[in-house]
Every structure is written in structure tokens, then in C-alpha cells.
Amino acid sequence: MVTEQIEQFFRPDGTLISIPAKSGKRIAVLEHIASELSPGTKYPEKELNSVIAKYHDDTAAIRRYMIEYGILDRDNESVYWLRLE
């Protein structure tokens, strides 16, 4: 469920209209997308891209932001997983 804070960035079909410029809202959007991922599961880049593509075409940008904001970690073989705090 999209929270009121970020609903303005999503179309009715759930796709992302734009990546928010303000970091707080950007993080909330990224966390919403990441909520589709399972903790403890490792995702090859192609599989992660298929999840992200449901929301936005620029999968590389979304992945980079998720790494930058500490939502995801990755290894040298382009395998990603949720970073647990």
C-alpha cells in the first residue's frame, strides 16, 4: 500500500511517475518498491530488474539509489539482497 506521503509519485496502476527529488520522499518510494523483496533472499540483477520494472523503466537508477540509501547490498557478481538494519 502506498502511503499518503508518497502516493503523488505513483499512478493508479502502481507505476512510478517520477523519482522524488527530496531524499526523504525518495527513500520512502524506494522502500515501497523494496517491500516487494523478501529478507534473506538473494536476487540476481536480472531478477531484481524485473521487480523494479513493474514500477519504473530506469531500473539502473532505482538500483543505484537503493544501494546509496542502504536499502540493498550487492556483491561483485551483481547479486543483490535487502540490507537488514
PDB file of N, CA and C in Angstrom:
ATOM      1  N   MET A   1       0.844  -1.198   0.000  1.00  0.00           N
ATOM      2  CA  MET A   1       0.000   0.000   0.000  1.00  0.00           C
ATOM      3  C   MET A   1       0.879   1.247   0.000  1.00  0.00           C
ATOM      4  N   VAL A   2       0.554   2.168  -0.879  1.00  0.00           N
ATOM      5  CA  VAL A   2       1.309   3.412  -0.980  1.00  0.00           C
ATOM      6  C   VAL A   2       0.822   4.365   0.103  1.00  0.00           C
ATOM      7  N   THR A   3       1.761   4.907   0.874  1.00  0.00           N
ATOM      8  CA  THR A   3       1.373   5.837   1.936  1.00  0.00           C
ATOM      9  C   THR A   3       1.030   7.193   1.348  1.00  0.00           C
ATOM     10  N   GLU A   4       0.309   7.966   2.117  1.00  0.00           N
ATOM     11  CA  GLU A   4      -0.119   9.288   1.676  1.00  0.00           C
ATOM     12  C   GLU A   4       1.079  10.180   1.324  1.00  0.00           C
ATOM     13  N   GLN A   5       2.180  10.002   2.027  1.00  0.00           N
ATOM     14  CA  GLN A   5       3.373  10.818   1.817  1.00  0.00           C
ATOM     15  C   GLN A   5       3.918  10.665   0.392  1.00  0.00           C
ATOM     16  N   ILE A   6       3.758   9.480  -0.183  1.00  0.00           N
ATOM     17  CA  ILE A   6       4.371   9.242  -1.492  1.00  0.00           C
ATOM     18  C   ILE A   6       3.371   8.926  -2.604  1.00  0.00           C
ATOM     19  N   GLU A   7       2.084   8.887  -2.303  1.00  0.00           N
ATOM     20  CA  GLU A   7       1.102   8.493  -3.313  1.00  0.00           C
ATOM     21  C   GLU A   7       1.126   9.395  -4.547  1.00  0.00           C
ATOM     22  N   GLN A   8       1.532  10.648  -4.393  1.00  0.00           N
ATOM     23  CA  GLN A   8       1.578  11.571  -5.524  1.00  0.00           C
ATOM     24  C   GLN A   8       2.599  11.152  -6.586  1.00  0.00           C
ATOM     25  N   PHE A   9       3.521  10.272  -6.222  1.00  0.00           N
ATOM     26  CA  PHE A   9       4.553   9.842  -7.160  1.00  0.00           C
ATOM     27  C   PHE A   9       4.167   8.582  -7.931  1.00  0.00           C
ATOM     28  N   PHE A  10       3.000   8.009  -7.617  1.00  0.00           N
ATOM     29  CA  PHE A  10       2.558   6.778  -8.260  1.00  0.00           C
ATOM     30  C   PHE A  10       1.270   6.987  -9.040  1.00  0.00           C
ATOM     31  N   ARG A  11       1.176   6.335 -10.190  1.00  0.00           N
ATOM     32  CA  ARG A  11      -0.055   6.311 -10.971  1.00  0.00           C
ATOM     33  C   ARG A  11      -1.024   5.326 -10.299  1.00  0.00           C
ATOM     34  N   PRO A  12      -2.302   5.383 -10.699  1.00  0.00           N
ATOM     35  CA  PRO A  12      -3.272   4.435 -10.129  1.00  0.00           C
ATOM     36  C   PRO A  12      -2.883   2.963 -10.355  1.00  0.00           C
ATOM     37  N   ASP A  13      -2.143   2.668 -11.421  1.00  0.00           N
ATOM     38  CA  ASP A  13      -1.752   1.274 -11.681  1.00  0.00           C
ATOM     39  C   ASP A  13      -0.529   0.841 -10.867  1.00  0.00           C
ATOM     40  N   GLY A  14       0.007   1.760 -10.040  1.00  0.00           N
ATOM     41  CA  GLY A  14       1.128   1.434  -9.171  1.00  0.00           C
ATOM     42  C   GLY A  14       2.494   1.775  -9.736  1.00  0.00           C
ATOM     43  N   THR A  15       2.545   2.220 -11.008  1.00  0.00           N
ATOM     44  CA  THR A  15       3.840   2.585 -11.580  1.00  0.00           C
ATOM     45  C   THR A  15       4.265   3.967 -11.092  1.00  0.00           C
ATOM     46  N   LEU A  16       5.555   4.162 -11.078  1.00  0.00           N
ATOM     47  CA  LEU A  16       6.137   5.405 -10.577  1.00  0.00           C
ATOM     48  C   LEU A  16       6.095   6.478 -11.659  1.00  0.00           C
ATOM     49  N   ILE A  17       5.570   7.643 -11.321  1.00  0.00           N
ATOM     50  CA  ILE A  17       5.532   8.767 -12.255  1.00  0.00           C
ATOM     51  C   ILE A  17       6.921   9.366 -12.373  1.00  0.00           C
ATOM     52  N   SER A  18       7.536   9.625 -11.221  1.00  0.00           N
ATOM     53  CA  SER A  18       8.882  10.192 -11.206  1.00  0.00           C
ATOM     54  C   SER A  18       9.556   9.848  -9.884  1.00  0.00           C
ATOM     55  N   ILE A  19      10.878   9.881  -9.908  1.00  0.00           N
ATOM     56  CA  ILE A  19      11.658   9.653  -8.704  1.00  0.00           C
ATOM     57  C   ILE A  19      11.719  10.976  -7.950  1.00  0.00           C
ATOM     58  N   PRO A  20      11.277  11.019  -6.699  1.00  0.00           N
ATOM     59  CA  PRO A  20      11.256  12.291  -5.958  1.00  0.00           C
ATOM     60  C   PRO A  20      12.648  12.916  -5.832  1.00  0.00           C
ATOM     61  N   ALA A  21      12.685  14.232  -5.874  1.00  0.00           N
ATOM     62  CA  ALA A  21      13.951  14.958  -5.730  1.00  0.00           C
ATOM     63  C   ALA A  21      14.395  15.024  -4.269  1.00  0.00           C
ATOM     64  N   LYS A  22      13.437  15.181  -3.358  1.00  0.00           N
ATOM     65  CA  LYS A  22      13.787  15.264  -1.931  1.00  0.00           C
ATOM     66  C   LYS A  22      14.120  13.879  -1.399  1.00  0.00           C
ATOM     67  N   SER A  23      15.224  13.795  -0.677  1.00  0.00           N
ATOM     68  CA  SER A  23      15.719  12.485  -0.254  1.00  0.00           C
ATOM     69  C   SER A  23      14.744  11.727   0.647  1.00  0.00           C
ATOM     70  N   GLY A  24      14.041  12.405   1.525  1.00  0.00           N
ATOM     71  CA  GLY A  24      13.103  11.727   2.416  1.00  0.00           C
ATOM     72  C   GLY A  24      12.008  11.013   1.643  1.00  0.00           C
ATOM     73  N   LYS A  25      11.429  11.701   0.670  1.00  0.00           N
ATOM     74  CA  LYS A  25      10.380  11.085  -0.142  1.00  0.00           C
ATOM     75  C   LYS A  25      10.972  10.040  -1.078  1.00  0.00           C
ATOM     76  N   ARG A  26      12.178  10.285  -1.581  1.00  0.00           N
ATOM     77  CA  ARG A  26      12.848   9.307  -2.447  1.00  0.00           C
ATOM     78  C   ARG A  26      13.056   8.002  -1.675  1.00  0.00           C
ATOM     79  N   ILE A  27      13.525   8.099  -0.434  1.00  0.00           N
ATOM     80  CA  ILE A  27      13.744   6.909   0.386  1.00  0.00           C
ATOM     81  C   ILE A  27      12.420   6.177   0.609  1.00  0.00           C
ATOM     82  N   ALA A  28      11.353   6.912   0.888  1.00  0.00           N
ATOM     83  CA  ALA A  28      10.048   6.284   1.106  1.00  0.00           C
ATOM     84  C   ALA A  28       9.575   5.538  -0.146  1.00  0.00           C
ATOM     85  N   VAL A  29       9.789   6.129  -1.317  1.00  0.00           N
ATOM     86  CA  VAL A  29       9.428   5.478  -2.582  1.00  0.00           C
ATOM     87  C   VAL A  29      10.268   4.214  -2.775  1.00  0.00           C
ATOM     88  N   LEU A  30      11.564   4.315  -2.538  1.00  0.00           N
ATOM     89  CA  LEU A  30      12.452   3.161  -2.698  1.00  0.00           C
ATOM     90  C   LEU A  30      12.086   2.043  -1.726  1.00  0.00           C
ATOM     91  N   GLU A  31      11.760   2.404  -0.503  1.00  0.00           N
ATOM     92  CA  GLU A  31      11.362   1.400   0.484  1.00  0.00           C
ATOM     93  C   GLU A  31      10.048   0.728   0.086  1.00  0.00           C
ATOM     94  N   HIS A  32       9.159   1.497  -0.528  1.00  0.00           N
ATOM     95  CA  HIS A  32       7.906   0.915  -1.016  1.00  0.00           C
ATOM     96  C   HIS A  32       8.202  -0.141  -2.084  1.00  0.00           C
ATOM     97  N   ILE A  33       9.075   0.186  -3.022  1.00  0.00           N
ATOM     98  CA  ILE A  33       9.448  -0.770  -4.067  1.00  0.00           C
ATOM     99  C   ILE A  33      10.143  -1.981  -3.442  1.00  0.00           C
ATOM    100  N   ALA A  34      11.044  -1.725  -2.507  1.00  0.00           N
ATOM    101  CA  ALA A  34      11.800  -2.805  -1.860  1.00  0.00           C
ATOM    102  C   ALA A  34      10.914  -3.708  -1.016  1.00  0.00           C
ATOM    103  N   SER A  35       9.740  -3.234  -0.619  1.00  0.00           N
ATOM    104  CA  SER A  35       8.849  -4.057   0.207  1.00  0.00           C
ATOM    105  C   SER A  35       8.381  -5.307  -0.537  1.00  0.00           C
ATOM    106  N   GLU A  36       8.562  -5.321  -1.841  1.00  0.00           N
ATOM    107  CA  GLU A  36       8.205  -6.493  -2.636  1.00  0.00           C
ATOM    108  C   GLU A  36       9.281  -7.595  -2.547  1.00  0.00           C
ATOM    109  N   LEU A  37      10.450  -7.240  -2.014  1.00  0.00           N
ATOM    110  CA  LEU A  37      11.554  -8.196  -1.900  1.00  0.00           C
ATOM    111  C   LEU A  37      11.481  -8.915  -0.552  1.00  0.00           C
ATOM    112  N   SER A  38      12.006 -10.118  -0.533  1.00  0.00           N
ATOM    113  CA  SER A  38      11.981 -10.923   0.694  1.00  0.00           C
ATOM    114  C   SER A  38      13.313 -10.844   1.424  1.00  0.00           C
ATOM    115  N   PRO A  39      13.286 -10.563   2.735  1.00  0.00           N
ATOM    116  CA  PRO A  39      14.527 -10.555   3.515  1.00  0.00           C
ATOM    117  C   PRO A  39      15.212 -11.918   3.438  1.00  0.00           C
ATOM    118  N   GLY A  40      16.522 -11.892   3.309  1.00  0.00           N
ATOM    119  CA  GLY A  40      17.292 -13.123   3.264  1.00  0.00           C
ATOM    120  C   GLY A  40      17.392 -13.761   1.886  1.00  0.00           C
ATOM    121  N   THR A  41      16.659 -13.224   0.917  1.00  0.00           N
ATOM    122  CA  THR A  41      16.697 -13.758  -0.442  1.00  0.00           C
ATOM    123  C   THR A  41      17.717 -12.975  -1.260  1.00  0.00           C
ATOM    124  N   LYS A  42      18.498 -13.688  -2.060  1.00  0.00           N
ATOM    125  CA  LYS A  42      19.462 -13.045  -2.947  1.00  0.00           C
ATOM    126  C   LYS A  42      18.858 -12.973  -4.350  1.00  0.00           C
ATOM    127  N   TYR A  43      18.974 -11.803  -4.958  1.00  0.00           N
ATOM    128  CA  TYR A  43      18.379 -11.540  -6.260  1.00  0.00           C
ATOM    129  C   TYR A  43      19.452 -11.238  -7.294  1.00  0.00           C
ATOM    130  N   PRO A  44      19.597 -12.088  -8.320  1.00  0.00           N
ATOM    131  CA  PRO A  44      20.478 -11.721  -9.430  1.00  0.00           C
ATOM    132  C   PRO A  44      19.939 -10.431 -10.058  1.00  0.00           C
ATOM    133  N   GLU A  45      20.825  -9.647 -10.663  1.00  0.00           N
ATOM    134  CA  GLU A  45      20.430  -8.345 -11.207  1.00  0.00           C
ATOM    135  C   GLU A  45      19.217  -8.446 -12.126  1.00  0.00           C
ATOM    136  N   LYS A  46      19.179  -9.448 -12.978  1.00  0.00           N
ATOM    137  CA  LYS A  46      18.068  -9.601 -13.919  1.00  0.00           C
ATOM    138  C   LYS A  46      16.739  -9.782 -13.182  1.00  0.00           C
ATOM    139  N   GLU A  47      16.758 -10.574 -12.122  1.00  0.00           N
ATOM    140  CA  GLU A  47      15.547 -10.810 -11.330  1.00  0.00           C
ATOM    141  C   GLU A  47      15.128  -9.534 -10.591  1.00  0.00           C
ATOM    142  N   LEU A  48      16.094  -8.822 -10.027  1.00  0.00           N
ATOM    143  CA  LEU A  48      15.798  -7.556  -9.352  1.00  0.00           C
ATOM    144  C   LEU A  48      15.221  -6.550 -10.339  1.00  0.00           C
ATOM    145  N   ASN A  49      15.809  -6.495 -11.540  1.00  0.00           N
ATOM    146  CA  ASN A  49      15.303  -5.580 -12.562  1.00  0.00           C
ATOM    147  C   ASN A  49      13.848  -5.866 -12.905  1.00  0.00           C
ATOM    148  N   SER A  50      13.461  -7.133 -12.928  1.00  0.00           N
ATOM    149  CA  SER A  50      12.071  -7.454 -13.263  1.00  0.00           C
ATOM    150  C   SER A  50      11.113  -6.949 -12.183  1.00  0.00           C
ATOM    151  N   VAL A  51      11.554  -6.951 -10.931  1.00  0.00           N
ATOM    152  CA  VAL A  51      10.729  -6.397  -9.848  1.00  0.00           C
ATOM    153  C   VAL A  51      10.646  -4.876 -10.001  1.00  0.00           C
ATOM    154  N   ILE A  52      11.788  -4.231 -10.189  1.00  0.00           N
ATOM    155  CA  ILE A  52      11.821  -2.764 -10.301  1.00  0.00           C
ATOM    156  C   ILE A  52      11.055  -2.285 -11.525  1.00  0.00           C
ATOM    157  N   ALA A  53      11.135  -3.026 -12.626  1.00  0.00           N
ATOM    158  CA  ALA A  53      10.495  -2.618 -13.884  1.00  0.00           C
ATOM    159  C   ALA A  53       8.972  -2.523 -13.765  1.00  0.00           C
ATOM    160  N   LYS A  54       8.393  -3.181 -12.775  1.00  0.00           N
ATOM    161  CA  LYS A  54       6.956  -3.052 -12.541  1.00  0.00           C
ATOM    162  C   LYS A  54       6.598  -1.629 -12.125  1.00  0.00           C
ATOM    163  N   TYR A  55       7.586  -0.930 -11.583  1.00  0.00           N
ATOM    164  CA  TYR A  55       7.375   0.424 -11.071  1.00  0.00           C
ATOM    165  C   TYR A  55       7.963   1.506 -11.971  1.00  0.00           C
ATOM    166  N   HIS A  56       9.139   1.247 -12.566  1.00  0.00           N
ATOM    167  CA  HIS A  56       9.849   2.295 -13.312  1.00  0.00           C
ATOM    168  C   HIS A  56      10.785   1.664 -14.321  1.00  0.00           C
ATOM    169  N   ASP A  57      10.907   2.304 -15.483  1.00  0.00           N
ATOM    170  CA  ASP A  57      11.758   1.782 -16.559  1.00  0.00           C
ATOM    171  C   ASP A  57      13.249   1.905 -16.277  1.00  0.00           C
ATOM    172  N   ASP A  58      13.639   2.912 -15.508  1.00  0.00           N
ATOM    173  CA  ASP A  58      15.073   3.133 -15.252  1.00  0.00           C
ATOM    174  C   ASP A  58      15.514   2.274 -14.066  1.00  0.00           C
ATOM    175  N   THR A  59      15.653   0.984 -14.330  1.00  0.00           N
ATOM    176  CA  THR A  59      15.991   0.049 -13.261  1.00  0.00           C
ATOM    177  C   THR A  59      17.374   0.328 -12.680  1.00  0.00           C
ATOM    178  N   ALA A  60      18.304   0.779 -13.523  1.00  0.00           N
ATOM    179  CA  ALA A  60      19.664   1.060 -13.037  1.00  0.00           C
ATOM    180  C   ALA A  60      19.655   2.191 -12.012  1.00  0.00           C
ATOM    181  N   ALA A  61      18.898   3.242 -12.274  1.00  0.00           N
ATOM    182  CA  ALA A  61      18.835   4.370 -11.340  1.00  0.00           C
ATOM    183  C   ALA A  61      18.224   3.929 -10.009  1.00  0.00           C
ATOM    184  N   ILE A  62      17.144   3.159 -10.076  1.00  0.00           N
ATOM    185  CA  ILE A  62      16.492   2.701  -8.851  1.00  0.00           C
ATOM    186  C   ILE A  62      17.447   1.816  -8.053  1.00  0.00           C
ATOM    187  N   ARG A  63      18.140   0.906  -8.736  1.00  0.00           N
ATOM    188  CA  ARG A  63      19.115   0.044  -8.036  1.00  0.00           C
ATOM    189  C   ARG A  63      20.199   0.881  -7.370  1.00  0.00           C
ATOM    190  N   ARG A  64      20.738   1.849  -8.099  1.00  0.00           N
ATOM    191  CA  ARG A  64      21.801   2.707  -7.543  1.00  0.00           C
ATOM    192  C   ARG A  64      21.307   3.439  -6.304  1.00  0.00           C
ATOM    193  N   TYR A  65      20.117   4.008  -6.381  1.00  0.00           N
ATOM    194  CA  TYR A  65      19.566   4.715  -5.222  1.00  0.00           C
ATOM    195  C   TYR A  65      19.374   3.764  -4.041  1.00  0.00           C
ATOM    196  N   MET A  66      18.910   2.552  -4.316  1.00  0.00           N
ATOM    197  CA  MET A  66      18.701   1.589  -3.225  1.00  0.00           C
ATOM    198  C   MET A  66      20.023   1.224  -2.549  1.00  0.00           C
ATOM    199  N   ILE A  67      21.088   1.138  -3.313  1.00  0.00           N
ATOM    200  CA  ILE A  67      22.415   0.891  -2.745  1.00  0.00           C
ATOM    201  C   ILE A  67      22.864   2.128  -1.963  1.00  0.00           C
ATOM    202  N   GLU A  68      22.734   3.292  -2.588  1.00  0.00           N
ATOM    203  CA  GLU A  68      23.181   4.556  -1.983  1.00  0.00           C
ATOM    204  C   GLU A  68      22.505   4.816  -0.638  1.00  0.00           C
ATOM    205  N   TYR A  69      21.213   4.508  -0.545  1.00  0.00           N
ATOM    206  CA  TYR A  69      20.473   4.775   0.692  1.00  0.00           C
ATOM    207  C   TYR A  69      20.481   3.596   1.657  1.00  0.00           C
ATOM    208  N   GLY A  70      21.266   2.561   1.354  1.00  0.00           N
ATOM    209  CA  GLY A  70      21.430   1.451   2.285  1.00  0.00           C
ATOM    210  C   GLY A  70      20.249   0.499   2.356  1.00  0.00           C
ATOM    211  N   ILE A  71      19.405   0.501   1.335  1.00  0.00           N
ATOM    212  CA  ILE A  71      18.263  -0.415   1.314  1.00  0.00           C
ATOM    213  C   ILE A  71      18.708  -1.794   0.822  1.00  0.00           C
ATOM    214  N   LEU A  72      19.618  -1.786  -0.156  1.00  0.00           N
ATOM    215  CA  LEU A  72      20.154  -3.026  -0.710  1.00  0.00           C
ATOM    216  C   LEU A  72      21.665  -3.075  -0.558  1.00  0.00           C
ATOM    217  N   ASP A  73      22.183  -4.290  -0.542  1.00  0.00           N
ATOM    218  CA  ASP A  73      23.619  -4.540  -0.661  1.00  0.00           C
ATOM    219  C   ASP A  73      23.808  -5.366  -1.915  1.00  0.00           C
ATOM    220  N   ARG A  74      25.043  -5.420  -2.423  1.00  0.00           N
ATOM    221  CA  ARG A  74      25.319  -6.260  -3.583  1.00  0.00           C
ATOM    222  C   ARG A  74      26.725  -6.808  -3.485  1.00  0.00           C
ATOM    223  N   ASP A  75      26.949  -7.895  -4.202  1.00  0.00           N
ATOM    224  CA  ASP A  75      28.295  -8.456  -4.249  1.00  0.00           C
ATOM    225  C   ASP A  75      28.931  -8.152  -5.612  1.00  0.00           C
ATOM    226  N   ASN A  76      30.127  -8.656  -5.832  1.00  0.00           N
ATOM    227  CA  ASN A  76      30.850  -8.377  -7.076  1.00  0.00           C
ATOM    228  C   ASN A  76      30.271  -9.091  -8.289  1.00  0.00           C
ATOM    229  N   GLU A  77      29.320  -9.976  -8.060  1.00  0.00           N
ATOM    230  CA  GLU A  77      28.719 -10.724  -9.161  1.00  0.00           C
ATOM    231  C   GLU A  77      27.311 -10.224  -9.480  1.00  0.00           C
ATOM    232  N   SER A  78      27.012  -8.992  -9.060  1.00  0.00           N
ATOM    233  CA  SER A  78      25.711  -8.358  -9.318  1.00  0.00           C
ATOM    234  C   SER A  78      24.542  -9.154  -8.741  1.00  0.00           C
ATOM    235  N   VAL A  79      24.725  -9.627  -7.521  1.00  0.00           N
ATOM    236  CA  VAL A  79      23.645 -10.262  -6.775  1.00  0.00           C
ATOM    237  C   VAL A  79      23.285  -9.304  -5.632  1.00  0.00           C
ATOM    238  N   TYR A  80      21.994  -9.062  -5.481  1.00  0.00           N
ATOM    239  CA  TYR A  80      21.505  -8.069  -4.523  1.00  0.00           C
ATOM    240  C   TYR A  80      20.660  -8.727  -3.442  1.00  0.00           C
ATOM    241  N   TRP A  81      20.600  -8.087  -2.266  1.00  0.00           N
ATOM    242  CA  TRP A  81      19.753  -8.544  -1.177  1.00  0.00           C
ATOM    243  C   TRP A  81      19.406  -7.348  -0.308  1.00  0.00           C
ATOM    244  N   LEU A  82      18.272  -7.482   0.409  1.00  0.00           N
ATOM    245  CA  LEU A  82      17.858  -6.426   1.340  1.00  0.00           C
ATOM    246  C   LEU A  82      18.875  -6.320   2.466  1.00  0.00           C
ATOM    247  N   ARG A  83      19.229  -5.109   2.771  1.00  0.00           N
ATOM    248  CA  ARG A  83      20.151  -4.858   3.870  1.00  0.00           C
ATOM    249  C   ARG A  83      19.341  -4.747   5.143  1.00  0.00           C
ATOM    250  N   LEU A  84      19.594  -5.609   6.075  1.00  0.00           N
ATOM    251  CA  LEU A  84      18.842  -5.591   7.331  1.00  0.00           C
ATOM    252  C   LEU A  84      19.559  -4.744   8.353  1.00  0.00           C
ATOM    253  N   GLU A  85      18.828  -3.882   8.998  1.00  0.00           N
ATOM    254  CA  GLU A  85      19.436  -2.977   9.973  1.00  0.00           C
ATOM    255  C   GLU A  85      19.414  -3.565  11.351  1.00  0.00           C
TER     256      GLU A  85
END
